[in-house]
C-alpha atoms as a PDB file:
ATOM      1  CA  LEU A   1     -31.365 -13.214   4.282  1.00  0.00           C
ATOM      2  CA  GLY A   2     -30.653 -15.123   7.476  1.00  0.00           C
ATOM      3  CA  ALA A   3     -33.875 -17.169   7.416  1.00  0.00           C
ATOM      4  CA  GLY A   4     -33.388 -20.923   7.444  1.00  0.00           C
ATOM      5  CA  LEU A   5     -29.716 -20.850   8.460  1.00  0.00           C
ATOM      6  CA  ALA A   6     -28.523 -23.278  11.040  1.00  0.00           C
ATOM      7  CA  PRO A   7     -27.343 -21.670  14.286  1.00  0.00           C
ATOM      8  CA  GLY A   8     -23.681 -20.742  14.021  1.00  0.00           C
ATOM      9  CA  ALA A   9     -23.573 -21.214  10.260  1.00  0.00           C
ATOM     10  CA  GLY A  10     -20.949 -18.995   8.686  1.00  0.00           C
ATOM     11  CA  PRO A  11     -20.409 -17.704   5.129  1.00  0.00           C
ATOM     12  CA  ALA A  12     -18.914 -20.967   3.908  1.00  0.00           C
ATOM     13  CA  GLU A  13     -21.816 -22.996   5.207  1.00  0.00           C
ATOM     14  CA  CYS A  14     -24.296 -20.573   3.640  1.00  0.00           C
ATOM     15  CA  GLY A  15     -22.692 -20.737   0.206  1.00  0.00           C
ATOM     16  CA  PHE A  16     -21.044 -17.321   0.408  1.00  0.00           C
ATOM     17  CA  LYS A  17     -17.344 -16.963  -0.310  1.00  0.00           C
ATOM     18  CA  LYS A  18     -15.252 -14.738   1.863  1.00  0.00           C
ATOM     19  CA  TRP A  19     -13.766 -11.894  -0.223  1.00  0.00           C
ATOM     20  CA  ILE A  20     -10.813  -9.813   0.879  1.00  0.00           C
ATOM     21  CA  CYS A  21     -10.185  -6.501  -0.847  1.00  0.00           C
ATOM     22  CA  PRO A  22      -6.493  -6.288  -1.732  1.00  0.00           C
ATOM     23  CA  MET A  23      -4.792  -3.171  -0.411  1.00  0.00           C
ATOM     24  CA  LYS A  24      -3.107  -1.188  -3.132  1.00  0.00           C
ATOM     25  CA  SER A  25      -0.694   1.681  -2.846  1.00  0.00           C
ATOM     26  CA  PRO A  26      -2.032   4.970  -4.185  1.00  0.00           C
ATOM     27  CA  ALA A  27      -1.249   5.392  -7.852  1.00  0.00           C
ATOM     28  CA  LYS A  28       1.796   7.558  -8.460  1.00  0.00           C
ATOM     29  CA  PRO A  29       0.824  10.842 -10.144  1.00  0.00           C
ATOM     30  CA  PRO A  30       2.125  11.185 -13.697  1.00  0.00           C
ATOM     31  CA  ASN A  31       5.219  13.257 -14.269  1.00  0.00           C
ATOM     32  CA  PRO A  32       4.220  16.877 -14.824  1.00  0.00           C
ATOM     33  CA  GLN A  33       4.622  18.764 -18.057  1.00  0.00           C
ATOM     34  CA  LEU A  34       7.385  21.225 -17.289  1.00  0.00           C
ATOM     35  CA  VAL A  35       8.534  24.537 -18.669  1.00  0.00           C
ATOM     36  CA  ILE A  36      12.052  25.486 -17.541  1.00  0.00           C
ATOM     37  CA  ARG A  37      13.294  29.062 -17.586  1.00  0.00           C
ATOM     38  CA  PRO A  38      16.384  30.937 -16.347  1.00  0.00           C
ATOM     39  CA  VAL A  39      15.644  32.970 -13.243  1.00  0.00           C
ATOM     40  CA  THR A  40      15.513  36.699 -13.976  1.00  0.00           C
ATOM     41  CA  PRO A  41      14.570  39.801 -11.951  1.00  0.00           C
ATOM     42  CA  ARG A  42      10.965  39.514 -13.081  1.00  0.00           C
ATOM     43  CA  ARG A  43      10.904  35.899 -11.907  1.00  0.00           C
ATOM     44  CA  TRP A  44      12.112  36.768  -8.407  1.00  0.00           C
ATOM     45  CA  LYS A  45       8.595  36.379  -6.984  1.00  0.00           C
ATOM     46  CA  ASP A  46       8.424  32.860  -8.418  1.00  0.00           C
ATOM     47  CA  PHE A  47      11.771  31.973  -6.849  1.00  0.00           C
ATOM     48  CA  GLU A  48      10.621  33.448  -3.543  1.00  0.00           C
ATOM     49  CA  ALA A  49       7.331  31.528  -3.630  1.00  0.00           C
ATOM     50  CA  LEU A  50       9.064  28.213  -4.379  1.00  0.00           C
ATOM     51  CA  PHE A  51      11.621  28.609  -1.576  1.00  0.00           C
ATOM     52  CA  GLY A  52       8.988  29.697   0.934  1.00  0.00           C
ATOM     53  CA  PRO A  53       9.515  31.237   4.376  1.00  0.00           C
ATOM     54  CA  ARG A  54      12.361  28.816   5.234  1.00  0.00           C
ATOM     55  CA  GLY A  55      14.364  29.682   2.140  1.00  0.00           C
ATOM     56  CA  ALA A  56      14.075  26.043   0.995  1.00  0.00           C
ATOM     57  CA  CYS A  57      15.984  24.760   4.033  1.00  0.00           C
ATOM     58  CA  ALA A  58      17.141  26.518   7.198  1.00  0.00           C
ATOM     59  CA  GLY A  59      17.382  29.938   5.580  1.00  0.00           C
ATOM     60  CA  CYS A  60      19.717  28.811   2.812  1.00  0.00           C
ATOM     61  CA  TRP A  61      18.167  30.593  -0.174  1.00  0.00           C
ATOM     62  CA  CYS A  62      20.663  28.633  -2.296  1.00  0.00           C
ATOM     63  CA  MET A  63      23.603  30.600  -0.929  1.00  0.00           C
ATOM     64  CA  TRP A  64      25.425  27.672   0.724  1.00  0.00           C
ATOM     65  CA  ALA A  65      27.794  27.010  -2.179  1.00  0.00           C
ATOM     66  CA  ARG A  66      28.368  30.700  -2.848  1.00  0.00           C
ATOM     67  CA  LEU A  67      29.780  31.590   0.572  1.00  0.00           C
ATOM     68  CA  LYS A  68      32.548  30.502   2.875  1.00  0.00           C
ATOM     69  CA  HIS A  69      31.279  28.564   5.874  1.00  0.00           C
ATOM     70  CA  SER A  70      31.794  31.377   8.389  1.00  0.00           C
ATOM     71  CA  GLN A  71      30.010  33.929   6.223  1.00  0.00           C
ATOM     72  CA  TYR A  72      27.152  31.566   5.485  1.00  0.00           C
ATOM     73  CA  GLU A  73      26.572  30.894   9.186  1.00  0.00           C
ATOM     74  CA  LYS A  74      26.447  34.625   9.902  1.00  0.00           C
ATOM     75  CA  GLN A  75      23.834  35.413   7.292  1.00  0.00           C
ATOM     76  CA  LYS A  76      21.457  32.436   7.248  1.00  0.00           C
ATOM     77  CA  GLY A  77      17.884  33.572   6.781  1.00  0.00           C
ATOM     78  CA  PRO A  78      16.924  37.104   5.652  1.00  0.00           C
ATOM     79  CA  LYS A  79      20.518  38.104   4.829  1.00  0.00           C
ATOM     80  CA  ASN A  80      20.886  35.136   2.503  1.00  0.00           C
ATOM     81  CA  LYS A  81      17.589  36.034   0.889  1.00  0.00           C
ATOM     82  CA  ARG A  82      18.770  39.595   0.278  1.00  0.00           C
ATOM     83  CA  ALA A  83      22.075  38.322  -1.097  1.00  0.00           C
ATOM     84  CA  MET A  84      20.335  36.051  -3.618  1.00  0.00           C
ATOM     85  CA  LYS A  85      17.900  38.794  -4.587  1.00  0.00           C
ATOM     86  CA  LYS A  86      20.853  41.111  -5.246  1.00  0.00           C
ATOM     87  CA  ILE A  87      22.499  38.496  -7.490  1.00  0.00           C
ATOM     88  CA  ILE A  88      19.323  38.057  -9.512  1.00  0.00           C
ATOM     89  CA  ALA A  89      18.625  41.809  -9.650  1.00  0.00           C
ATOM     90  CA  SER A  90      22.111  42.359 -11.081  1.00  0.00           C
ATOM     91  CA  GLY A  91      21.123  40.470 -14.207  1.00  0.00           C
ATOM     92  CA  ALA A  92      23.189  37.408 -13.370  1.00  0.00           C
ATOM     93  CA  THR A  93      21.477  34.044 -13.772  1.00  0.00           C
ATOM     94  CA  PRO A  94      22.245  31.796 -10.801  1.00  0.00           C
ATOM     95  CA  GLY A  95      19.959  29.005 -11.913  1.00  0.00           C
ATOM     96  CA  LEU A  96      16.838  27.656 -13.574  1.00  0.00           C
ATOM     97  CA  LEU A  97      13.209  27.466 -12.462  1.00  0.00           C
ATOM     98  CA  ALA A  98      10.854  24.642 -13.466  1.00  0.00           C
ATOM     99  CA  TYR A  99       7.155  25.434 -13.857  1.00  0.00           C
ATOM    100  CA  ALA A 100       4.155  23.103 -13.919  1.00  0.00           C
ATOM    101  CA  ASP A 101       0.823  24.649 -14.930  1.00  0.00           C
ATOM    102  CA  GLY A 102       2.380  28.072 -14.535  1.00  0.00           C
ATOM    103  CA  LYS A 103       3.504  27.433 -10.951  1.00  0.00           C
ATOM    104  CA  PRO A 104       7.173  27.257  -9.885  1.00  0.00           C
ATOM    105  CA  VAL A 105       7.890  23.701  -8.706  1.00  0.00           C
ATOM    106  CA  GLY A 106      11.640  23.194  -8.985  1.00  0.00           C
ATOM    107  CA  TRP A 107      15.049  24.850  -8.991  1.00  0.00           C
ATOM    108  CA  CYS A 108      18.570  24.030 -10.130  1.00  0.00           C
ATOM    109  CA  ALA A 109      21.569  26.217  -9.346  1.00  0.00           C
ATOM    110  CA  VAL A 110      23.967  26.163 -12.292  1.00  0.00           C
ATOM    111  CA  ALA A 111      26.834  28.543 -13.063  1.00  0.00           C
ATOM    112  CA  PRO A 112      30.588  28.544 -13.651  1.00  0.00           C
ATOM    113  CA  ARG A 113      32.311  26.668 -10.849  1.00  0.00           C
ATOM    114  CA  ARG A 114      34.251  29.781  -9.836  1.00  0.00           C
ATOM    115  CA  ASP A 115      30.966  31.269  -8.557  1.00  0.00           C
ATOM    116  CA  PHE A 116      30.762  28.593  -5.855  1.00  0.00           C
ATOM    117  CA  VAL A 117      33.539  29.453  -3.430  1.00  0.00           C
ATOM    118  CA  ARG A 118      32.490  26.785  -0.917  1.00  0.00           C
ATOM    119  CA  LEU A 119      33.637  24.051  -3.291  1.00  0.00           C
ATOM    120  CA  GLU A 120      37.232  25.224  -3.175  1.00  0.00           C
ATOM    121  CA  SER A 121      37.398  24.909   0.615  1.00  0.00           C
ATOM    122  CA  SER A 122      35.975  21.390   0.581  1.00  0.00           C
ATOM    123  CA  ARG A 123      38.355  18.445   0.765  1.00  0.00           C
ATOM    124  CA  VAL A 124      35.747  16.213  -0.845  1.00  0.00           C
ATOM    125  CA  LEU A 125      34.604  18.605  -3.570  1.00  0.00           C
ATOM    126  CA  ALA A 126      37.826  20.467  -4.371  1.00  0.00           C
ATOM    127  CA  LYS A 127      38.539  20.854  -8.075  1.00  0.00           C
ATOM    128  CA  VAL A 128      39.814  17.847  -9.988  1.00  0.00           C
ATOM    129  CA  ASP A 129      41.948  19.837 -12.427  1.00  0.00           C
ATOM    130  CA  ASP A 130      42.246  23.296 -13.933  1.00  0.00           C
ATOM    131  CA  ARG A 131      39.821  22.769 -16.806  1.00  0.00           C
ATOM    132  CA  PRO A 132      37.017  25.347 -16.995  1.00  0.00           C
ATOM    133  CA  VAL A 133      33.772  23.787 -15.824  1.00  0.00           C
ATOM    134  CA  TRP A 134      30.242  24.782 -14.970  1.00  0.00           C
ATOM    135  CA  SER A 135      28.656  23.260 -11.876  1.00  0.00           C
ATOM    136  CA  ALA A 136      25.116  22.114 -11.110  1.00  0.00           C
ATOM    137  CA  VAL A 137      25.296  22.307  -7.337  1.00  0.00           C
ATOM    138  CA  CYS A 138      21.794  22.385  -5.918  1.00  0.00           C
ATOM    139  CA  PHE A 139      18.259  21.174  -6.605  1.00  0.00           C
ATOM    140  CA  PHE A 140      15.087  22.053  -4.752  1.00  0.00           C
ATOM    141  CA  VAL A 141      11.709  20.601  -5.676  1.00  0.00           C
ATOM    142  CA  ALA A 142       8.336  21.398  -4.102  1.00  0.00           C
ATOM    143  CA  ARG A 143       7.137  18.458  -2.015  1.00  0.00           C
ATOM    144  CA  PRO A 144       4.151  17.417  -4.210  1.00  0.00           C
ATOM    145  CA  TYR A 145       6.482  17.140  -7.225  1.00  0.00           C
ATOM    146  CA  ARG A 146       9.304  15.088  -5.717  1.00  0.00           C
ATOM    147  CA  ARG A 147      10.174  11.742  -7.340  1.00  0.00           C
ATOM    148  CA  ARG A 148       8.267  12.817 -10.439  1.00  0.00           C
ATOM    149  CA  GLY A 149      11.153  13.552 -12.792  1.00  0.00           C
ATOM    150  CA  VAL A 150      11.598  17.238 -11.974  1.00  0.00           C
ATOM    151  CA  THR A 151      15.241  16.950 -10.855  1.00  0.00           C
ATOM    152  CA  SER A 152      16.178  14.933 -13.949  1.00  0.00           C
ATOM    153  CA  ALA A 153      14.492  17.464 -16.228  1.00  0.00           C
ATOM    154  CA  LEU A 154      16.266  20.340 -14.498  1.00  0.00           C
ATOM    155  CA  LEU A 155      19.631  18.596 -14.820  1.00  0.00           C
ATOM    156  CA  LEU A 156      19.189  18.099 -18.565  1.00  0.00           C
ATOM    157  CA  ALA A 157      18.103  21.717 -18.925  1.00  0.00           C
ATOM    158  CA  ALA A 158      21.129  22.865 -16.911  1.00  0.00           C
ATOM    159  CA  VAL A 159      23.461  20.989 -19.252  1.00  0.00           C
ATOM    160  CA  GLU A 160      21.839  22.579 -22.280  1.00  0.00           C
ATOM    161  CA  TYR A 161      21.907  26.028 -20.673  1.00  0.00           C
ATOM    162  CA  ALA A 162      25.633  25.683 -19.945  1.00  0.00           C
ATOM    163  CA  ARG A 163      26.312  24.298 -23.431  1.00  0.00           C
ATOM    164  CA  LYS A 164      24.739  27.351 -25.057  1.00  0.00           C
ATOM    165  CA  ARG A 165      27.038  29.545 -23.008  1.00  0.00           C
ATOM    166  CA  GLY A 166      30.179  27.785 -24.136  1.00  0.00           C
ATOM    167  CA  ALA A 167      30.778  25.418 -21.213  1.00  0.00           C
ATOM    168  CA  PRO A 168      33.056  22.515 -22.232  1.00  0.00           C
ATOM    169  CA  ILE A 169      32.182  20.505 -19.099  1.00  0.00           C
ATOM    170  CA  VAL A 170      29.297  20.424 -16.625  1.00  0.00           C
ATOM    171  CA  GLU A 171      30.137  19.055 -13.201  1.00  0.00           C
ATOM    172  CA  GLY A 172      27.908  17.725 -10.412  1.00  0.00           C
ATOM    173  CA  TYR A 173      28.345  16.558  -6.837  1.00  0.00           C
ATOM    174  CA  PRO A 174      25.511  14.095  -6.178  1.00  0.00           C
ATOM    175  CA  VAL A 175      25.023  11.779  -3.243  1.00  0.00           C
ATOM    176  CA  ALA A 176      25.302   8.000  -3.523  1.00  0.00           C
ATOM    177  CA  PRO A 177      23.427   6.547  -0.524  1.00  0.00           C
ATOM    178  CA  LYS A 178      25.076   3.459   0.926  1.00  0.00           C
ATOM    179  CA  THR A 179      21.796   1.690   1.682  1.00  0.00           C
ATOM    180  CA  GLY A 180      18.096   2.281   1.228  1.00  0.00           C
ATOM    181  CA  ARG A 181      16.372   5.429   0.065  1.00  0.00           C
ATOM    182  CA  MET A 182      17.415   8.883   1.130  1.00  0.00           C
ATOM    183  CA  PRO A 183      14.733  11.593   1.333  1.00  0.00           C
ATOM    184  CA  GLU A 184      15.112  14.031  -1.537  1.00  0.00           C
ATOM    185  CA  ALA A 185      15.153  16.939   0.879  1.00  0.00           C
ATOM    186  CA  PHE A 186      18.512  15.663   2.172  1.00  0.00           C
ATOM    187  CA  ALA A 187      19.915  15.042  -1.292  1.00  0.00           C
ATOM    188  CA  TRP A 188      19.890  18.614  -2.480  1.00  0.00           C
ATOM    189  CA  THR A 189      22.886  18.055  -4.763  1.00  0.00           C
ATOM    190  CA  GLY A 190      20.966  15.314  -6.599  1.00  0.00           C
ATOM    191  CA  PHE A 191      21.356  11.546  -6.745  1.00  0.00           C
ATOM    192  CA  GLU A 192      24.186   9.740  -8.506  1.00  0.00           C
ATOM    193  CA  THR A 193      21.668   7.658 -10.484  1.00  0.00           C
ATOM    194  CA  ALA A 194      20.072  10.773 -11.998  1.00  0.00           C
ATOM    195  CA  PHE A 195      23.452  12.085 -13.122  1.00  0.00           C
ATOM    196  CA  ARG A 196      24.408   8.761 -14.712  1.00  0.00           C
ATOM    197  CA  LYS A 197      21.127   8.680 -16.628  1.00  0.00           C
ATOM    198  CA  ALA A 198      21.878  12.183 -17.895  1.00  0.00           C
ATOM    199  CA  GLY A 199      25.223  11.037 -19.322  1.00  0.00           C
ATOM    200  CA  PHE A 200      27.560  12.107 -16.521  1.00  0.00           C
ATOM    201  CA  ARG A 201      30.481   9.927 -15.525  1.00  0.00           C
ATOM    202  CA  GLU A 202      32.484   9.796 -12.338  1.00  0.00           C
ATOM    203  CA  VAL A 203      35.886  11.502 -12.397  1.00  0.00           C
ATOM    204  CA  ALA A 204      36.749  11.505  -8.686  1.00  0.00           C
ATOM    205  CA  ARG A 205      35.476  10.131  -5.385  1.00  0.00           C
ATOM    206  CA  ARG A 206      37.095  11.278  -2.161  1.00  0.00           C
ATOM    207  CA  SER A 207      34.215  10.074  -0.016  1.00  0.00           C
ATOM    208  CA  PRO A 208      32.272   6.807  -0.428  1.00  0.00           C
ATOM    209  CA  THR A 209      28.986   8.658  -0.868  1.00  0.00           C
ATOM    210  CA  ARG A 210      30.080  11.804  -2.760  1.00  0.00           C
ATOM    211  CA  PRO A 211      31.348  11.312  -6.294  1.00  0.00           C
ATOM    212  CA  ILE A 212      32.352  14.186  -8.536  1.00  0.00           C
ATOM    213  CA  MET A 213      30.734  13.622 -11.919  1.00  0.00           C
ATOM    214  CA  ARG A 214      31.170  15.324 -15.266  1.00  0.00           C
ATOM    215  CA  LYS A 215      29.437  15.548 -18.582  1.00  0.00           C
ATOM    216  CA  PHE A 216      31.741  16.522 -21.415  1.00  0.00           C
ATOM    217  CA  LEU A 217      30.343  18.736 -24.155  1.00  0.00           C
ATOM    218  CA  PRO A 218      32.596  18.090 -27.161  1.00  0.00           C
ATOM    219  CA  ASP A 219      30.917  20.707 -29.365  1.00  0.00           C
ATOM    220  CA  ASN A 220      32.361  23.371 -27.070  1.00  0.00           C
END
């Protein structure tokens, strides 16, 4: 191939064009096909598998909103896990599980607001009025499924679940990042944009980044 080339001749001199392969970002996986179910005693193992050894985050086991601060700090970890297991074993339904290909991949905590005692002690998230509302307070999605529509699907399912149980209003407490992108792991109450897309509207904002949003269900 190099025969007959002048010393020092490069690709241009030899009639070859330099070709640069453009770097492309990996293709985003398609949104998964989801099946969403209320958590029940027989689904405890699925809940446990999704939350993993850390209880989703720092031993929370989705008990943060259900306990006063002092009590939560005392029982982070195994005690929180036992507390959530007891709630589920009682027949109560503290939230919804999302499944992809039979595997639990996402969670949304949804229940009447009165179940979440932490909200009442929060200056930012204290109740807006005395109307009966349900609250969607927490989302947890397995890492491979983040930014793939799981949170939005869970939010829509939570609204429908509450509607069927007579809720006139569903309330959420998402984050509204000031700048840039916030990792989903730190936005466990959901993003404001997802709530707006689901038909929620802001009813109060006591902090620049923490609106209180509601979806009104007129049929109820």
